[in-house]
Amino acid sequence: MISHRTKGVFAITPTPFKPDGALDLASLRPMTEWYLERKVDGLTILGILGEAQKLLPEESEAVVREIVAAAAGKSVIVGVSAPGFVAMRSLALKSMEFGAAGVMMTPPAAMRTDEQIAGWVRNAVRAIGEDIPFVLQDHPTATGVVMAPRVIRQIVEEIPSCVMLKHEDWPGLEKLTALRRWQQQGEMRPISILCGNGGMFLDFEMQRGADGAMTGYAFPEMLRRVVDLSEHDDGAASDIFDAHLPLLRYEQQAGVGLAVRKYILKQRGAIAHDALRTPGPSLSEEARDEVERLLRRLAARDPDCGSTS
């Protein structure tokens, strides 16, 4: 189970599809093994990168079942956010039955005020079960839900099953510092904080007290090295991060970013096809050329993890 002590690198995985849009079940085990070979501490599935909103309930369950079985005991966190609590409860319970380490959820866009946000989380926890450890995802650029630090503190203090924050506010460094300061002063109980946003601010986030990364960047080896080096050599961590920054920036494009990641992951052998389930963008010939140029540049600057193999 995940806990407030969970640290390291959790790779957010895509959901592989065939060119005709069918779920590519056969790719789930080799994809999982590919990530494990890159020494991640765990996987997070059925998030935004996983195109969870495009899956049927039985497809979501199949993805969880196959990946948890292939994860060889590594922690798997399952995104269960949905418009209604009935669907969230069903997937959360199935996920834990299959052996997941916890679930991740975030309030929907309609939640605007502090009380609405905290109230939604309380009700969601009642629905899925107060014994299931969960990750509170704070991703306002994607959801439109703005969680002030005080709201996060309120949720953490009120709900023991909230053991982790997926921090991906932008800008969010001051929020991260505020939460850690409250913990140090005994004004908020300890909580694990793993950071997303494609890894765009990982170097500074680690320096501000993050416990690691939870994102879908196509080179999890970089995330691993930056997180590990940040414990004793910020300079070396920043050097590696800087080598990847042009590709990180390119992956971060709204709309097309997922197609970029899937293209690279296919090139690297993580998935068999780079197809997105419709509706979803595809890369133009010009975009593919730009990605290939960035990959060559990365290989020259960081040969230890800059290849597509």
Protein backbone atom coordinates (compact mmCIF):
# COMPACT_ATOMS: atom_id res chain seq x y z
CA MET A 1 0.00 0.00 0.00
CA ILE A 2 1.11 3.55 -0.59
CA SER A 3 1.58 5.66 2.51
CA HIS A 4 2.73 9.08 3.65
CA ARG A 5 6.28 7.69 3.45
CA THR A 6 6.11 6.74 -0.24
CA LYS A 7 9.01 8.20 -2.23
CA GLY A 8 10.72 7.87 -5.59
CA VAL A 9 9.51 7.68 -9.17
CA PHE A 10 6.03 6.59 -10.22
CA ALA A 11 5.72 6.52 -13.98
CA ILE A 12 2.34 7.44 -15.38
CA THR A 13 1.71 4.96 -18.17
CA PRO A 14 -0.26 5.37 -21.36
CA THR A 15 -3.05 3.03 -22.34
CA PRO A 16 -1.97 1.24 -25.53
CA PHE A 17 -4.43 1.09 -28.39
CA LYS A 18 -4.31 -0.60 -31.77
CA PRO A 19 -4.51 1.54 -34.92
CA ASP A 20 -8.24 0.78 -35.17
CA GLY A 21 -8.81 2.12 -31.64
CA ALA A 22 -9.21 -1.25 -29.92
CA LEU A 23 -7.59 -1.70 -26.55
CA ASP A 24 -4.19 -3.40 -27.03
CA LEU A 25 -4.28 -5.83 -24.13
CA ALA A 26 -1.28 -7.75 -25.43
CA SER A 27 0.94 -4.69 -24.95
CA LEU A 28 0.14 -4.18 -21.27
CA ARG A 29 2.56 -6.73 -19.84
CA PRO A 30 5.57 -5.80 -22.03
CA MET A 31 4.87 -2.10 -21.42
CA THR A 32 4.83 -2.71 -17.66
CA GLU A 33 8.07 -4.67 -17.85
CA TRP A 34 9.64 -1.87 -19.92
CA TYR A 35 8.95 0.61 -17.13
CA LEU A 36 10.18 -1.74 -14.43
CA GLU A 37 13.45 -2.22 -16.34
CA ARG A 38 13.96 1.52 -15.93
CA LYS A 39 13.85 1.11 -12.15
CA VAL A 40 10.69 3.00 -11.35
CA ASP A 41 9.29 2.53 -7.85
CA GLY A 42 5.75 2.19 -9.08
CA LEU A 43 3.23 2.93 -11.82
CA THR A 44 0.21 5.18 -12.01
CA ILE A 45 -2.41 4.12 -14.54
CA LEU A 46 -5.67 5.46 -15.95
CA GLY A 47 -4.69 9.08 -15.58
CA ILE A 48 -4.83 11.78 -18.25
CA LEU A 49 -1.98 10.11 -20.12
CA GLY A 50 -3.94 6.86 -19.92
CA GLU A 51 -6.94 8.36 -21.76
CA ALA A 52 -9.09 6.97 -18.96
CA GLN A 53 -12.13 8.99 -19.99
CA LYS A 54 -12.21 7.08 -23.31
CA LEU A 55 -12.38 3.61 -21.75
CA LEU A 56 -15.41 1.48 -21.05
CA PRO A 57 -15.69 0.31 -17.41
CA GLU A 58 -14.78 -3.25 -18.35
CA GLU A 59 -11.76 -1.98 -20.28
CA SER A 60 -10.55 0.00 -17.29
CA GLU A 61 -10.83 -3.08 -15.11
CA ALA A 62 -8.93 -5.15 -17.67
CA VAL A 63 -6.10 -2.60 -17.76
CA VAL A 64 -5.82 -2.61 -13.96
CA ARG A 65 -5.91 -6.38 -13.73
CA GLU A 66 -3.22 -6.93 -16.38
CA ILE A 67 -0.83 -4.23 -15.19
CA VAL A 68 -1.06 -5.12 -11.50
CA ALA A 69 -0.40 -8.76 -12.39
CA ALA A 70 2.64 -7.79 -14.48
CA ALA A 71 4.05 -5.29 -11.96
CA ALA A 72 5.87 -7.96 -9.96
CA GLY A 73 4.86 -6.54 -6.61
CA LYS A 74 5.63 -2.92 -7.46
CA SER A 75 3.04 -0.40 -6.33
CA VAL A 76 0.33 0.46 -8.84
CA ILE A 77 -1.89 3.51 -8.28
CA VAL A 78 -5.14 3.65 -10.23
CA GLY A 79 -6.82 6.85 -11.35
CA VAL A 80 -10.51 6.54 -10.48
CA SER A 81 -11.78 10.06 -11.10
CA ALA A 82 -15.18 10.01 -12.78
CA PRO A 83 -18.28 12.22 -13.03
CA GLY A 84 -20.15 10.09 -10.51
CA PHE A 85 -19.29 8.33 -7.26
CA VAL A 86 -20.88 5.03 -8.32
CA ALA A 87 -18.34 4.57 -11.11
CA MET A 88 -15.50 5.67 -8.82
CA ARG A 89 -16.52 3.21 -6.13
CA SER A 90 -16.76 0.33 -8.58
CA LEU A 91 -13.33 0.91 -10.10
CA ALA A 92 -11.69 1.64 -6.74
CA LEU A 93 -12.98 -1.57 -5.17
CA LYS A 94 -12.04 -3.66 -8.22
CA SER A 95 -8.58 -2.11 -8.31
CA MET A 96 -7.90 -2.92 -4.68
CA GLU A 97 -9.27 -6.43 -5.21
CA PHE A 98 -6.76 -6.89 -8.05
CA GLY A 99 -3.92 -5.77 -5.77
CA ALA A 100 -3.50 -2.04 -6.45
CA ALA A 101 -1.59 -0.02 -3.85
CA GLY A 102 -4.06 2.85 -3.82
CA VAL A 103 -6.14 5.13 -6.01
CA MET A 104 -5.88 8.69 -7.29
CA MET A 105 -8.68 11.19 -7.65
CA THR A 106 -9.31 14.87 -8.27
CA PRO A 107 -12.44 17.02 -7.91
CA PRO A 108 -14.33 17.82 -11.14
CA ALA A 109 -14.35 21.26 -12.74
CA ALA A 110 -17.66 22.24 -11.15
CA MET A 111 -15.98 22.40 -7.73
CA ARG A 112 -14.94 26.02 -7.33
CA THR A 113 -15.05 27.13 -3.72
CA ASP A 114 -12.89 25.79 -0.91
CA GLU A 115 -15.89 24.17 0.76
CA GLN A 116 -17.07 22.58 -2.49
CA ILE A 117 -13.63 21.06 -3.04
CA ALA A 118 -13.28 19.73 0.52
CA GLY A 119 -16.87 18.51 0.51
CA TRP A 120 -16.40 16.63 -2.75
CA VAL A 121 -13.32 14.86 -1.40
CA ARG A 122 -15.14 13.89 1.81
CA ASN A 123 -18.04 12.46 -0.18
CA ALA A 124 -15.73 10.66 -2.60
CA VAL A 125 -13.91 8.99 0.30
CA ARG A 126 -17.19 7.87 1.81
CA ALA A 127 -18.16 6.42 -1.56
CA ILE A 128 -14.97 4.46 -2.31
CA GLY A 129 -14.27 3.45 1.27
CA GLU A 130 -12.33 5.14 4.05
CA ASP A 131 -9.83 2.27 4.18
CA ILE A 132 -8.50 2.83 0.65
CA PRO A 133 -5.35 5.01 0.60
CA PHE A 134 -5.65 7.72 -2.01
CA VAL A 135 -3.65 10.32 -3.85
CA LEU A 136 -5.17 13.79 -4.08
CA GLN A 137 -4.36 15.11 -7.53
CA ASP A 138 -3.92 18.89 -7.71
CA HIS A 139 -3.83 19.74 -11.42
CA PRO A 140 -5.63 23.05 -12.01
CA THR A 141 -4.32 23.56 -15.55
CA ALA A 142 -6.16 20.38 -16.59
CA THR A 143 -9.19 20.40 -14.29
CA GLY A 144 -9.79 24.09 -13.64
CA VAL A 145 -10.02 23.30 -9.91
CA VAL A 146 -7.78 25.57 -7.85
CA MET A 147 -6.84 24.11 -4.47
CA ALA A 148 -5.31 26.66 -2.13
CA PRO A 149 -2.71 25.26 0.26
CA ARG A 150 -5.12 25.68 3.17
CA VAL A 151 -7.67 23.44 1.43
CA ILE A 152 -5.09 20.73 0.89
CA ARG A 153 -4.12 21.02 4.57
CA GLN A 154 -7.78 20.76 5.58
CA ILE A 155 -8.25 17.59 3.51
CA VAL A 156 -5.06 16.02 4.84
CA GLU A 157 -5.99 16.79 8.43
CA GLU A 158 -9.59 15.63 8.14
CA ILE A 159 -9.13 12.47 6.07
CA PRO A 160 -6.52 9.92 7.22
CA SER A 161 -6.74 7.91 3.98
CA CYS A 162 -5.29 10.86 2.05
CA VAL A 163 -1.64 9.77 2.09
CA MET A 164 -0.20 11.51 -0.97
CA LEU A 165 -0.50 14.70 -2.98
CA LYS A 166 0.16 14.63 -6.68
CA HIS A 167 1.43 18.16 -6.98
CA GLU A 168 1.14 19.72 -10.41
CA ASP A 169 0.01 23.26 -9.91
CA TRP A 170 1.76 25.70 -12.22
CA PRO A 171 3.34 27.76 -10.81
CA GLY A 172 3.36 25.69 -7.66
CA LEU A 173 6.73 25.96 -5.97
CA GLU A 174 5.46 28.30 -3.26
CA LYS A 175 2.55 25.95 -2.55
CA LEU A 176 5.00 23.10 -2.12
CA THR A 177 7.09 25.16 0.28
CA ALA A 178 4.01 26.17 2.29
CA LEU A 179 2.90 22.57 2.74
CA ARG A 180 6.35 21.42 3.82
CA ARG A 181 6.67 24.33 6.23
CA TRP A 182 3.36 23.40 7.89
CA GLN A 183 4.62 19.84 8.26
CA GLN A 184 7.89 20.98 9.81
CA GLN A 185 6.00 23.21 12.24
CA GLY A 186 3.61 20.42 13.21
CA GLU A 187 0.63 22.22 11.69
CA MET A 188 -0.09 19.46 9.15
CA ARG A 189 0.52 15.74 9.39
CA PRO A 190 3.19 14.27 7.09
CA ILE A 191 2.15 13.42 3.55
CA SER A 192 3.99 12.11 0.52
CA ILE A 193 4.32 14.66 -2.30
CA LEU A 194 5.12 13.43 -5.80
CA CYS A 195 5.20 15.92 -8.66
CA GLY A 196 3.78 15.86 -12.17
CA ASN A 197 3.43 18.47 -14.91
CA GLY A 198 5.51 16.35 -17.24
CA GLY A 199 8.53 16.86 -14.99
CA MET A 200 8.85 20.48 -16.12
CA PHE A 201 9.87 21.72 -12.66
CA LEU A 202 11.24 18.53 -11.12
CA ASP A 203 14.69 19.91 -10.36
CA PHE A 204 13.32 22.79 -8.29
CA GLU A 205 10.50 20.72 -6.83
CA MET A 206 13.01 18.26 -5.39
CA GLN A 207 14.93 21.16 -3.87
CA ARG A 208 11.67 22.45 -2.34
CA GLY A 209 11.06 19.16 -0.55
CA ALA A 210 9.18 16.90 -2.95
CA ASP A 211 9.49 13.15 -2.38
CA GLY A 212 9.81 12.32 -6.06
CA ALA A 213 8.11 12.35 -9.44
CA MET A 214 4.83 11.03 -10.75
CA THR A 215 4.60 11.88 -14.40
CA GLY A 216 4.59 10.42 -17.88
CA TYR A 217 7.75 11.80 -19.42
CA ALA A 218 8.96 9.37 -22.08
CA PHE A 219 12.39 8.98 -20.43
CA PRO A 220 11.70 7.71 -16.90
CA GLU A 221 15.46 7.12 -16.59
CA MET A 222 15.90 10.87 -16.35
CA LEU A 223 13.30 11.13 -13.61
CA ARG A 224 15.06 8.33 -11.72
CA ARG A 225 18.45 9.98 -11.92
CA VAL A 226 17.24 13.47 -11.03
CA VAL A 227 15.29 12.21 -8.01
CA ASP A 228 18.22 10.12 -6.78
CA LEU A 229 20.88 12.77 -7.36
CA SER A 230 18.80 15.49 -5.72
CA GLU A 231 19.48 13.88 -2.36
CA HIS A 232 23.18 14.71 -2.48
CA ASP A 233 24.13 16.61 -5.67
CA ASP A 234 21.69 19.26 -6.87
CA GLY A 235 24.15 20.44 -9.49
CA ALA A 236 24.45 17.05 -11.18
CA ALA A 237 20.68 16.62 -11.02
CA SER A 238 20.17 19.98 -12.71
CA ASP A 239 22.69 19.16 -15.43
CA ILE A 240 20.79 16.01 -16.37
CA PHE A 241 17.48 17.82 -16.17
CA ASP A 242 18.74 20.62 -18.40
CA ALA A 243 19.71 18.15 -21.12
CA HIS A 244 16.10 16.97 -21.29
CA LEU A 245 14.42 20.34 -21.00
CA PRO A 246 13.89 20.94 -24.75
CA LEU A 247 12.06 17.62 -25.08
CA LEU A 248 10.15 18.19 -21.84
CA ARG A 249 8.96 21.50 -23.23
CA TYR A 250 7.90 19.93 -26.51
CA GLU A 251 5.97 17.17 -24.74
CA GLN A 252 4.16 19.75 -22.65
CA GLN A 253 2.22 21.22 -25.56
CA ALA A 254 -1.51 21.33 -24.92
CA GLY A 255 -3.50 18.90 -27.00
CA VAL A 256 -0.70 17.30 -28.97
CA GLY A 257 1.56 16.45 -26.03
CA LEU A 258 0.04 13.01 -25.51
CA ALA A 259 0.61 12.14 -29.15
CA VAL A 260 4.25 13.20 -28.78
CA ARG A 261 4.75 10.98 -25.76
CA LYS A 262 3.13 7.98 -27.38
CA TYR A 263 5.23 8.47 -30.50
CA ILE A 264 8.43 8.47 -28.45
CA LEU A 265 7.32 5.53 -26.33
CA LYS A 266 6.66 3.55 -29.47
CA GLN A 267 10.10 4.50 -30.78
CA ARG A 268 11.60 3.31 -27.52
CA GLY A 269 9.78 -0.02 -27.61
CA ALA A 270 7.44 0.59 -24.68
CA ILE A 271 4.27 0.18 -26.75
CA ALA A 272 3.55 -1.41 -30.10
CA HIS A 273 1.47 1.44 -31.54
CA ASP A 274 1.34 5.17 -30.90
CA ALA A 275 -2.38 5.43 -31.63
CA LEU A 276 -4.67 7.56 -29.50
CA ARG A 277 -8.30 6.54 -29.19
CA THR A 278 -10.54 9.06 -30.93
CA PRO A 279 -11.05 11.88 -30.44
CA GLY A 280 -7.36 12.65 -30.28
CA PRO A 281 -4.68 14.41 -32.31
CA SER A 282 -2.10 12.76 -34.52
CA LEU A 283 1.36 14.09 -35.28
CA SER A 284 2.04 15.80 -38.56
CA GLU A 285 5.09 14.91 -40.59
CA GLU A 286 6.66 18.17 -39.47
CA ALA A 287 6.03 17.38 -35.82
CA ARG A 288 7.57 13.92 -36.15
CA ASP A 289 10.64 15.49 -37.75
CA GLU A 290 10.91 17.92 -34.85
CA VAL A 291 10.65 15.10 -32.30
CA GLU A 292 13.34 13.12 -34.10
CA ARG A 293 15.61 16.17 -34.07
CA LEU A 294 15.04 16.59 -30.34
CA LEU A 295 15.82 12.91 -29.74
CA ARG A 296 19.12 13.19 -31.62
CA ARG A 297 20.00 16.27 -29.62
CA LEU A 298 19.15 14.48 -26.38
CA ALA A 299 21.26 11.46 -27.31
CA ALA A 300 24.23 13.75 -27.80
CA ARG A 301 23.73 15.63 -24.54
CA ASP A 302 22.76 12.71 -22.31
CA PRO A 303 23.98 9.46 -23.89
CA ASP A 304 23.24 7.50 -20.70
CA CYS A 305 19.50 7.80 -21.27
CA GLY A 306 19.18 9.73 -24.49
CA SER A 307 18.60 6.85 -26.88
CA THR A 308 15.31 5.58 -28.21
CA SER A 309 16.12 1.97 -27.30
